[in-house]
Amino acid sequence: MVKAAVKPQTKKKTTPTTPHGRVYITATFNNTLVSITNEQGEVVSWSSSGAKGFKGTRKSTPYAASLAVEDAVKKAVEHGMKTADVFVKGPGAGRDSSLRAIKAAGLSISSIADLTPIPHNGPRPKARRRV
C-alpha cells in the first residue's frame, strides 16, 4: 500500500491593523493601483482597475479607479481601519474619483499628499536648428 503524502498545515499570515493607516494611489495613464497599509507600512489590502476586471482603455477611466479604491477600502475597513492619510501619485484620470470613493466606502481622510515626481532640470534639450 502506498501512503498519501500529508501536507503540513500552514497558518495564514495576518497583518496587524491599527485604526489609522495609509492609502497609496498610483494613477497612471493606463491603470490605477491602490494599496492600503498600516502605520508600519505592511500592506493590509490592495486592488487595481485591472484586478476588478477592466481591460484595455477602460482600465484608465475614473469609474474603474473608483471601483478599485472602493474594493480595497472595504477590505481595510473589515480589518478595523477607520482613518487614513492619502498619498496620490501620477497624472491619471482616476485621481479625483478615487478620493471620492475612499470617503464613500467609509474611511475618513486625515490628510492628502501629492507624491507625483517632478523633474528639477529634466533631460538635455534638443540641439538648436542651424540654417
Protein backbone atom coordinates (compact mmCIF):
# COMPACT_ATOMS: atom_id res chain seq x y z
CA MET A 1 0.00 0.00 0.00
CA VAL A 2 1.14 3.49 -0.83
CA LYS A 3 0.67 6.13 1.82
CA ALA A 4 -0.66 9.52 0.75
CA ALA A 5 1.69 12.41 1.38
CA VAL A 6 0.38 14.66 4.14
CA LYS A 7 0.93 18.39 3.72
CA PRO A 8 1.82 20.26 6.89
CA GLN A 9 -0.82 22.80 7.94
CA THR A 10 0.39 26.37 7.50
CA LYS A 11 -1.17 29.34 9.22
CA LYS A 12 -2.37 32.18 7.04
CA LYS A 13 -0.29 35.28 7.72
CA THR A 14 -2.37 38.16 9.02
CA THR A 15 -1.14 41.73 9.13
CA PRO A 16 -1.83 43.58 12.35
CA THR A 17 -4.03 46.56 11.66
CA THR A 18 -4.47 49.79 13.51
CA PRO A 19 -7.40 52.22 13.34
CA HIS A 20 -5.18 54.61 11.35
CA GLY A 21 -3.41 53.72 8.09
CA ARG A 22 -2.13 55.00 4.76
CA VAL A 23 -3.69 54.80 1.29
CA TYR A 24 -1.30 54.91 -1.67
CA ILE A 25 -2.93 55.64 -5.06
CA THR A 26 -0.89 55.44 -8.25
CA ALA A 27 -2.93 56.84 -11.14
CA THR A 28 -1.14 56.19 -14.45
CA PHE A 29 -2.47 56.78 -17.94
CA ASN A 30 -3.20 53.04 -18.31
CA ASN A 31 -4.27 51.84 -14.85
CA THR A 32 -4.98 52.85 -11.25
CA LEU A 33 -3.24 50.97 -8.43
CA VAL A 34 -4.30 51.20 -4.78
CA SER A 35 -2.55 49.77 -1.74
CA ILE A 36 -3.58 50.35 1.85
CA THR A 37 -1.01 49.90 4.61
CA ASN A 38 -0.98 50.11 8.38
CA GLU A 39 1.27 52.52 10.30
CA GLN A 40 4.31 50.23 9.94
CA GLY A 41 3.96 50.04 6.14
CA GLU A 42 2.65 46.46 5.97
CA VAL A 43 0.07 46.05 3.20
CA VAL A 44 -3.43 45.40 4.57
CA SER A 45 -5.28 45.37 1.24
CA TRP A 46 -4.69 46.30 -2.38
CA SER A 47 -6.59 46.49 -5.66
CA SER A 48 -6.33 47.83 -9.18
CA SER A 49 -8.57 48.60 -12.13
CA GLY A 50 -7.23 45.55 -13.91
CA ALA A 51 -7.90 43.31 -10.90
CA LYS A 52 -11.54 44.47 -10.93
CA GLY A 53 -11.96 43.04 -14.44
CA PHE A 54 -11.43 46.07 -16.66
CA LYS A 55 -9.33 45.60 -19.79
CA GLY A 56 -7.71 47.95 -22.27
CA THR A 57 -8.68 51.61 -22.28
CA ARG A 58 -11.49 51.06 -19.74
CA LYS A 59 -8.83 50.46 -17.05
CA SER A 60 -7.82 54.12 -17.20
CA THR A 61 -11.31 55.53 -16.57
CA PRO A 62 -12.35 57.30 -13.36
CA TYR A 63 -15.14 54.74 -12.85
CA ALA A 64 -12.68 51.83 -12.88
CA ALA A 65 -10.47 53.70 -10.41
CA SER A 66 -13.36 54.31 -8.02
CA LEU A 67 -14.33 50.61 -8.07
CA ALA A 68 -10.75 49.56 -7.36
CA VAL A 69 -10.43 52.01 -4.45
CA GLU A 70 -13.81 51.01 -3.06
CA ASP A 71 -12.80 47.32 -3.10
CA ALA A 72 -9.50 47.96 -1.28
CA VAL A 73 -11.08 50.28 1.31
CA LYS A 74 -13.85 47.79 2.14
CA LYS A 75 -11.22 45.13 2.90
CA ALA A 76 -9.29 47.57 5.10
CA VAL A 77 -12.42 48.66 6.99
CA GLU A 78 -13.21 44.97 7.67
CA HIS A 79 -9.78 44.74 9.33
CA GLY A 80 -10.67 47.65 11.63
CA MET A 81 -9.27 50.72 9.88
CA LYS A 82 -11.15 53.98 10.43
CA THR A 83 -8.94 56.88 9.30
CA ALA A 84 -6.14 57.18 6.76
CA ASP A 85 -3.60 59.51 5.19
CA VAL A 86 -3.88 59.52 1.40
CA PHE A 87 -0.85 59.72 -0.91
CA VAL A 88 -1.64 60.26 -4.60
CA LYS A 89 0.94 59.76 -7.35
CA GLY A 90 0.71 60.16 -11.10
CA PRO A 91 -1.22 62.11 -13.74
CA GLY A 92 -4.03 59.62 -14.43
CA ALA A 93 -7.77 60.15 -14.73
CA GLY A 94 -8.53 58.27 -11.50
CA ARG A 95 -7.06 60.82 -9.09
CA ASP A 96 -10.19 62.75 -8.09
CA SER A 97 -12.70 59.93 -8.31
CA SER A 98 -10.54 57.73 -6.10
CA LEU A 99 -10.63 60.32 -3.30
CA ARG A 100 -14.44 60.45 -3.50
CA ALA A 101 -14.57 56.64 -3.42
CA ILE A 102 -12.49 56.49 -0.22
CA LYS A 103 -14.97 58.76 1.54
CA ALA A 104 -17.97 56.86 0.16
CA ALA A 105 -16.58 53.47 1.28
CA GLY A 106 -16.48 54.56 4.93
CA LEU A 107 -12.89 55.63 5.56
CA SER A 108 -12.28 59.16 6.84
CA ILE A 109 -9.35 61.05 5.29
CA SER A 110 -6.87 62.73 7.66
CA SER A 111 -4.60 64.30 5.04
CA ILE A 112 -3.95 64.25 1.30
CA ALA A 113 -0.44 64.48 -0.17
CA ASP A 114 0.68 64.55 -3.80
CA LEU A 115 3.79 62.42 -4.43
CA THR A 116 3.95 62.93 -8.21
CA PRO A 117 7.62 63.11 -9.23
CA ILE A 118 8.55 66.46 -10.82
CA PRO A 119 11.86 66.82 -12.69
CA HIS A 120 14.04 69.66 -11.37
CA ASN A 121 16.01 70.04 -14.57
CA GLY A 122 14.93 67.25 -16.92
CA PRO A 123 16.79 65.73 -19.85
CA ARG A 124 19.18 67.62 -22.09
CA PRO A 125 17.28 69.75 -24.65
CA LYS A 126 17.41 69.11 -28.37
CA ALA A 127 20.16 70.90 -30.29
CA ARG A 128 19.27 74.28 -31.79
CA ARG A 129 18.49 74.23 -35.52
CA ARG A 130 21.14 75.79 -37.77
CA VAL A 131 20.16 77.09 -41.21
